[in-house]
Protein backbone atom coordinates (compact mmCIF):
# COMPACT_ATOMS: atom_id res chain seq x y z
CA MET A 1 2.58 -1.40 22.96
CA ASN A 2 5.23 -1.50 20.09
CA ASN A 3 5.64 1.82 18.57
CA LEU A 4 8.77 1.68 16.35
CA ALA A 5 6.90 2.42 13.38
CA LEU A 6 5.24 5.29 14.56
CA GLN A 7 8.54 6.60 16.05
CA ALA A 8 10.09 6.36 12.94
CA LEU A 9 7.35 7.88 10.80
CA SER A 10 7.71 10.79 13.46
CA GLY A 11 11.71 10.79 12.83
CA LYS A 12 12.16 9.68 16.63
CA ASN A 13 13.29 6.10 16.53
CA ARG A 14 16.13 6.09 18.92
CA SER A 15 15.92 1.92 19.40
CA GLY A 16 19.18 1.01 17.48
CA ARG A 17 17.26 -0.66 14.81
CA PRO A 18 14.35 0.08 12.14
CA PRO A 19 10.94 -1.21 12.55
CA LEU A 20 10.38 -3.96 10.21
CA TRP A 21 7.09 -4.88 8.42
CA LEU A 22 6.41 -6.36 4.71
CA MET A 23 3.67 -5.19 2.01
CA ARG A 24 1.58 -8.17 1.58
CA GLN A 25 2.92 -9.54 4.64
CA ALA A 26 -0.38 -11.93 5.23
CA GLY A 27 -0.71 -13.74 1.87
CA ARG A 28 0.11 -17.06 0.23
CA TYR A 29 3.53 -17.54 1.55
CA MET A 30 2.56 -18.20 4.59
CA HIS A 31 0.75 -21.96 5.07
CA GLU A 32 -1.42 -20.48 7.72
CA TYR A 33 -2.95 -18.22 5.23
CA GLN A 34 -3.28 -21.21 2.56
CA ALA A 35 -5.50 -23.34 5.36
CA ILE A 36 -7.56 -20.40 5.71
CA ARG A 37 -8.02 -19.70 1.66
CA LYS A 38 -8.60 -23.00 1.72
CA ARG A 39 -11.84 -22.62 3.20
CA HIS A 40 -13.09 -19.53 1.85
CA ASP A 41 -12.80 -17.45 -1.25
CA LEU A 42 -11.17 -14.58 -1.55
CA LEU A 43 -13.92 -12.01 -1.58
CA THR A 44 -15.32 -13.74 1.43
CA LEU A 45 -12.32 -13.06 3.06
CA PHE A 46 -12.10 -9.63 2.20
CA ARG A 47 -15.78 -9.06 3.23
CA THR A 48 -16.17 -10.38 6.46
CA PRO A 49 -14.63 -8.87 9.60
CA GLU A 50 -13.51 -11.80 11.45
CA LEU A 51 -11.73 -13.46 8.70
CA ILE A 52 -10.06 -10.00 7.78
CA THR A 53 -9.15 -9.76 11.68
CA GLU A 54 -7.58 -13.13 11.59
CA VAL A 55 -5.58 -13.08 8.70
CA THR A 56 -4.21 -9.46 9.20
CA LYS A 57 -2.91 -10.90 12.87
CA LEU A 58 -1.33 -14.12 11.28
CA PRO A 59 2.08 -12.64 10.57
CA ILE A 60 2.11 -10.57 13.50
CA ASP A 61 1.93 -13.92 15.55
CA ALA A 62 4.20 -15.88 13.48
CA PHE A 63 7.05 -13.14 12.58
CA GLY A 64 6.51 -10.49 15.22
CA PHE A 65 6.67 -7.83 12.66
CA ASP A 66 6.38 -4.19 13.97
CA ALA A 67 3.35 -3.10 12.32
CA ALA A 68 0.09 -4.64 10.70
CA ILE A 69 -1.83 -3.74 7.63
CA VAL A 70 -5.21 -4.42 6.87
CA PHE A 71 -6.26 -7.36 4.87
CA SER A 72 -8.11 -5.73 2.19
CA ASP A 73 -7.91 -4.96 -1.29
CA ILE A 74 -7.32 -1.38 -3.04
CA LEU A 75 -10.37 -2.70 -5.36
CA LEU A 76 -13.28 -2.91 -2.67
CA ILE A 77 -13.89 0.48 -3.08
CA SER A 78 -14.85 -0.22 -6.67
CA GLU A 79 -17.82 -2.30 -5.67
CA ALA A 80 -18.78 0.61 -3.51
CA LEU A 81 -18.84 2.69 -6.53
CA GLY A 82 -21.59 0.40 -8.22
CA PHE A 83 -19.09 -1.87 -10.23
CA THR A 84 -18.86 -5.60 -10.22
CA LEU A 85 -15.77 -6.84 -8.90
CA ARG A 86 -14.21 -10.78 -8.82
CA PHE A 87 -10.99 -12.36 -8.54
CA GLU A 88 -10.22 -15.32 -11.09
CA GLU A 89 -7.16 -17.62 -10.67
CA ALA A 90 -4.31 -16.95 -12.64
CA VAL A 91 -5.95 -13.90 -13.98
CA GLY A 92 -6.73 -11.59 -11.12
CA PRO A 93 -9.12 -8.63 -10.57
CA ILE A 94 -11.92 -8.52 -13.07
CA ILE A 95 -14.15 -5.26 -12.97
CA ASP A 96 -17.51 -5.20 -14.77
CA PRO A 97 -18.00 -2.69 -16.65
CA PRO A 98 -15.07 -1.43 -17.72
CA LEU A 99 -15.33 2.89 -17.93
CA SER A 100 -14.85 4.70 -21.14
CA PRO A 101 -14.83 8.34 -21.93
CA GLU A 102 -18.24 7.97 -23.19
CA ALA A 103 -19.51 6.55 -20.16
CA ASP A 104 -21.72 8.74 -17.65
CA PHE A 105 -19.44 8.31 -14.88
CA THR A 106 -21.07 11.10 -12.76
CA GLN A 107 -23.21 7.84 -11.72
CA LEU A 108 -20.39 7.24 -9.55
CA VAL A 109 -20.87 10.45 -7.53
CA GLY A 110 -23.06 10.53 -4.22
CA ARG A 111 -22.36 6.43 -3.57
CA ASP A 112 -22.67 5.38 -0.05
CA ILE A 113 -18.77 4.39 0.26
CA VAL A 114 -18.59 4.47 4.07
CA GLY A 115 -21.87 2.07 4.37
CA SER A 116 -20.80 -0.39 1.51
CA LEU A 117 -17.27 -0.91 3.24
CA GLN A 118 -18.35 -1.26 7.00
CA TYR A 119 -17.02 -4.46 7.12
CA VAL A 120 -13.22 -2.91 6.59
CA TYR A 121 -13.93 -0.34 9.43
CA GLU A 122 -15.49 -3.45 11.72
CA ALA A 123 -12.28 -5.53 11.37
CA ILE A 124 -10.33 -2.50 12.12
CA ARG A 125 -12.03 -2.01 15.62
CA GLN A 126 -11.59 -5.59 16.34
CA LEU A 127 -8.03 -5.41 15.50
CA LYS A 128 -7.35 -2.22 17.66
CA ARG A 129 -8.74 -4.18 20.55
CA THR A 130 -6.18 -6.67 20.51
CA LEU A 131 -3.13 -5.62 18.64
CA THR A 132 -0.01 -4.75 20.30
CA VAL A 133 1.79 -2.90 16.90
CA PRO A 134 0.32 -0.15 14.74
CA LEU A 135 -2.09 -1.24 12.51
CA ILE A 136 -1.94 0.41 8.92
CA GLY A 137 -4.91 1.19 6.83
CA PHE A 138 -4.65 1.71 3.03
CA ALA A 139 -6.17 2.71 -0.25
CA GLY A 140 -5.44 2.83 -3.94
CA ALA A 141 -4.57 6.31 -5.27
CA PRO A 142 -6.95 7.80 -7.81
CA PHE A 143 -4.91 7.05 -10.67
CA THR A 144 -4.29 3.67 -9.96
CA LEU A 145 -8.01 3.05 -9.18
CA ALA A 146 -8.83 4.80 -12.79
CA THR A 147 -6.47 2.14 -14.10
CA TYR A 148 -8.52 -0.76 -13.23
CA LEU A 149 -11.96 0.54 -13.77
CA ILE A 150 -10.82 1.74 -17.33
CA GLU A 151 -9.04 -1.50 -18.15
CA GLY A 152 -11.61 -3.63 -16.63
CA GLY A 153 -8.68 -5.35 -14.44
CA SER A 154 -5.10 -5.43 -14.53
CA SER A 155 -3.04 -4.42 -17.49
CA ARG A 156 0.68 -3.93 -18.32
CA LEU A 157 0.49 -1.64 -21.31
CA MET A 158 -2.64 0.73 -20.05
CA ARG A 159 -3.40 1.10 -23.27
CA LYS A 160 -6.97 1.96 -22.72
CA THR A 161 -6.07 4.50 -19.99
CA LYS A 162 -3.46 6.20 -21.73
CA ARG A 163 -5.52 6.98 -24.87
CA TRP A 164 -7.93 8.70 -22.47
CA PHE A 165 -5.57 10.57 -20.50
CA PHE A 166 -3.76 11.60 -23.66
CA GLN A 167 -7.00 12.49 -25.59
CA GLU A 168 -9.03 13.77 -23.01
CA PRO A 169 -7.43 15.11 -20.10
CA GLU A 170 -10.07 17.02 -19.04
CA SER A 171 -12.59 14.42 -18.50
CA PHE A 172 -9.77 12.10 -17.09
CA THR A 173 -9.31 14.81 -14.54
CA ARG A 174 -13.03 14.92 -13.73
CA LEU A 175 -12.88 11.13 -13.18
CA LEU A 176 -9.72 11.43 -10.91
CA ASP A 177 -11.96 14.07 -9.23
CA ILE A 178 -14.44 11.76 -8.48
CA LEU A 179 -12.17 8.71 -7.20
CA ALA A 180 -10.56 11.17 -5.11
CA MET A 181 -13.41 12.06 -2.92
CA ALA A 182 -14.42 8.17 -2.74
CA THR A 183 -10.90 7.76 -1.21
CA ILE A 184 -10.95 10.45 1.25
CA GLU A 185 -14.21 9.13 2.63
CA HIS A 186 -12.83 5.44 2.75
CA LEU A 187 -9.40 6.47 4.44
CA ASN A 188 -11.42 8.94 6.87
CA ALA A 189 -13.62 6.14 7.77
CA GLN A 190 -10.60 4.10 8.44
CA ILE A 191 -8.95 6.53 10.59
CA ASP A 192 -12.31 7.13 12.43
CA ALA A 193 -12.17 3.43 13.38
CA GLY A 194 -8.59 3.75 14.56
CA VAL A 195 -5.84 3.06 12.14
CA ASP A 196 -2.39 4.46 13.34
CA ALA A 197 -1.36 5.18 10.01
CA ILE A 198 -2.06 5.40 6.55
CA GLN A 199 -0.12 4.16 3.20
CA ILE A 200 -1.77 5.17 -0.17
CA PHE A 201 -0.64 2.82 -3.28
CA ASP A 202 -0.35 4.47 -6.72
CA SER A 203 0.99 0.87 -8.02
CA TRP A 204 0.60 1.94 -11.62
CA ALA A 205 1.65 5.66 -11.86
CA ASN A 206 4.87 4.38 -13.33
CA VAL A 207 3.21 4.11 -16.52
CA LEU A 208 3.00 8.01 -16.75
CA PRO A 209 5.32 10.49 -18.29
CA ALA A 210 6.77 13.20 -15.91
CA PRO A 211 4.23 15.72 -16.96
CA GLN A 212 1.35 13.44 -16.44
CA PHE A 213 2.80 11.83 -13.46
CA GLN A 214 2.67 15.41 -11.63
CA ALA A 215 -0.95 16.01 -13.23
CA PHE A 216 -2.69 12.71 -12.71
CA ALA A 217 -0.67 11.15 -10.14
CA ALA A 218 1.05 13.37 -7.37
CA ASN A 219 -1.68 16.28 -7.57
CA PHE A 220 -4.32 13.72 -6.69
CA MET A 221 -2.35 11.90 -4.40
CA ASP A 222 -2.07 15.42 -2.46
CA LYS A 223 -5.63 16.22 -2.86
CA VAL A 224 -6.32 13.01 -0.97
CA MET A 225 -4.04 13.65 1.56
CA LYS A 226 -5.30 17.28 1.84
CA GLY A 227 -8.59 15.70 2.59
CA LEU A 228 -7.59 13.59 5.44
CA LYS A 229 -8.00 14.01 9.12
CA PRO A 230 -4.56 14.08 11.07
CA CYS A 231 -2.82 10.74 10.69
CA PRO A 232 0.79 9.47 9.55
CA ILE A 233 0.81 9.27 6.03
CA ILE A 234 3.06 7.04 3.56
CA LEU A 235 3.03 7.37 0.06
CA PHE A 236 3.84 4.33 -2.54
CA CYS A 237 4.12 4.30 -5.94
CA ARG A 238 6.14 2.07 -8.77
CA GLY A 239 8.83 4.39 -10.09
CA SER A 240 8.93 5.84 -6.46
CA SER A 241 13.11 5.94 -6.90
CA LEU A 242 12.47 8.28 -9.95
CA TYR A 243 9.69 10.19 -8.49
CA ALA A 244 11.03 10.83 -5.12
CA HIS A 245 11.19 14.34 -4.85
CA GLU A 246 7.55 14.88 -6.15
CA LEU A 247 6.46 12.72 -3.45
CA ALA A 248 8.07 14.52 -0.83
CA ALA A 249 6.83 17.54 -2.02
CA ILE A 250 3.44 16.35 -1.34
CA LYS A 251 4.84 16.40 2.55
CA PRO A 252 3.57 13.14 3.77
CA GLN A 253 5.32 11.78 6.70
CA GLY A 254 6.91 8.91 4.87
CA ILE A 255 7.58 7.53 1.45
CA SER A 256 8.06 3.83 0.21
CA LEU A 257 10.93 3.11 -2.32
CA ASP A 258 11.45 0.65 -4.67
CA TRP A 259 14.70 -1.51 -4.74
CA GLN A 260 16.01 0.66 -7.73
CA ALA A 261 16.57 3.96 -4.83
CA ASP A 262 19.69 4.92 -3.54
CA LEU A 263 18.78 5.20 -0.13
CA PRO A 264 21.89 7.51 1.29
CA LYS A 265 21.30 9.65 -1.78
CA ILE A 266 17.44 9.96 -1.30
CA ARG A 267 18.25 10.58 2.42
CA SER A 268 20.85 13.19 1.28
CA SER A 269 18.58 15.19 -1.31
CA LEU A 270 15.56 15.06 0.87
CA GLY A 271 16.92 15.81 4.08
CA LYS A 272 15.77 14.18 7.89
CA ASP A 273 12.24 15.51 7.88
CA ILE A 274 10.54 12.44 6.05
CA CYS A 275 10.95 8.92 6.84
CA LEU A 276 12.09 6.51 4.25
CA GLN A 277 10.58 2.98 3.73
CA GLY A 278 11.86 0.27 1.74
CA ASN A 279 13.82 -1.30 0.03
CA LEU A 280 14.89 -4.58 -0.36
CA ASP A 281 14.07 -6.37 -3.63
CA PRO A 282 11.24 -8.97 -3.48
CA ASP A 283 13.21 -11.32 -5.68
CA ILE A 284 15.86 -11.27 -2.97
CA LEU A 285 13.27 -13.40 -0.57
CA LEU A 286 13.58 -15.96 -3.54
CA THR A 287 17.37 -16.94 -3.12
CA SER A 288 18.84 -18.38 0.14
CA PRO A 289 19.10 -17.13 3.54
CA SER A 290 22.57 -16.32 3.49
CA VAL A 291 21.68 -13.85 0.38
CA VAL A 292 18.77 -12.32 2.28
CA ARG A 293 21.02 -11.73 5.28
CA LYS A 294 24.02 -10.12 3.19
CA GLU A 295 21.39 -7.77 1.07
CA ALA A 296 19.80 -6.85 4.11
CA LEU A 297 22.98 -5.76 6.02
CA ARG A 298 23.65 -3.63 3.17
CA ILE A 299 20.69 -1.70 3.74
CA MET A 300 20.89 -1.50 7.23
CA GLU A 301 24.35 -0.34 7.07
CA GLN A 302 23.28 2.64 4.70
CA MET A 303 20.76 3.47 7.09
CA ARG A 304 22.27 2.66 10.41
CA ASP A 305 21.14 4.76 13.14
CA ASP A 306 18.28 6.80 11.00
CA PRO A 307 15.61 7.87 13.04
CA ALA A 308 13.12 7.82 10.25
CA PHE A 309 13.76 4.62 8.48
CA ILE A 310 11.25 1.75 8.14
CA PHE A 311 13.02 -1.63 6.63
CA ASN A 312 10.29 -2.96 3.93
CA LEU A 313 10.13 -4.22 0.72
CA GLY A 314 10.38 -2.20 -2.72
CA HIS A 315 7.05 -4.18 -3.52
CA GLY A 316 4.84 -6.66 -2.08
CA ILE A 317 6.52 -10.09 -0.77
CA LEU A 318 6.06 -12.86 -3.59
CA PRO A 319 3.95 -15.99 -2.93
CA GLU A 320 6.75 -18.48 -3.51
CA THR A 321 8.90 -16.85 -0.93
CA PRO A 322 10.34 -19.67 1.24
CA ARG A 323 9.18 -19.16 4.83
CA ALA A 324 13.09 -19.50 5.76
CA ASN A 325 13.99 -16.67 4.17
CA VAL A 326 11.47 -14.13 5.82
CA GLU A 327 12.85 -15.74 9.26
CA ALA A 328 16.43 -14.68 8.25
CA LEU A 329 15.34 -11.18 6.98
CA ILE A 330 13.51 -10.81 10.38
CA ALA A 331 16.67 -12.09 12.32
CA CYS A 332 19.01 -9.98 10.76
CA VAL A 333 17.27 -6.75 11.36
CA ARG A 334 16.25 -7.58 15.04
CA ASP A 335 20.18 -8.47 15.84
CA PHE A 336 21.61 -5.66 13.99
């Protein structure tokens, strides 16, 4: 069993190189994934344990990453909450009906979250029978999940969400409480099924001003963490370089940092008791193998011999990433 990622999460990696995995590592940049995707729509992939297992293992078999992450989506929980979810090409996720402050969102309480998402947990059990690297489960943080439910899908401006939390912070807080409880149920079921670590994604927390970040993002990531069974936790949010101290104060085992973060400064500021994950800009993987090696080596030198560092991207790998650049990154990290 390759336990480098778990060793790094506990600050005990003495192997001489950091573990490496990539957010969205099972995805459209892989021709193996494209072949499966031609045969199945996205929701079928997400809802079928055998297909989840197959897709999750693709990048492990192809590249030998040091951790696997369950092939899933943070929005599947919306179906368990009673919403209709679909994915449209070139549009992304669409959730119906969108939530508004006038809606009776107490109807979200008491849903059978675990029963509705059994396909995820069955896939985890299947994966644990054959994987030789740690398996990471995940969920969206309450704030990010709320943005999708309110906007009805992806939104860069988040105007409906921002109007709600500025005008009616009390009802917005009640909504986040409900979503936090659902997220705790989902993550605990993943832990029970056998995942080795959890990553919580607050992908849209960067739209929040500082006071609201604490109230609506950090406080609810903390609430989720406190409700979980024992398991290493990594926190990720866009804007993590700005809010590294707030994330570290929640006391996860690790924080995943964006490419704007100065890793040595953050390490010096936060101390040695927290794992840092990151933080190569995904756009660098669109360049050339030589540029990839140069930028990866820069990060590797910064974090040389750090026993609590995981090499990753600052966000998910882009679909148009050339395979040769991924291979160059892997070789660079392994040969360091």
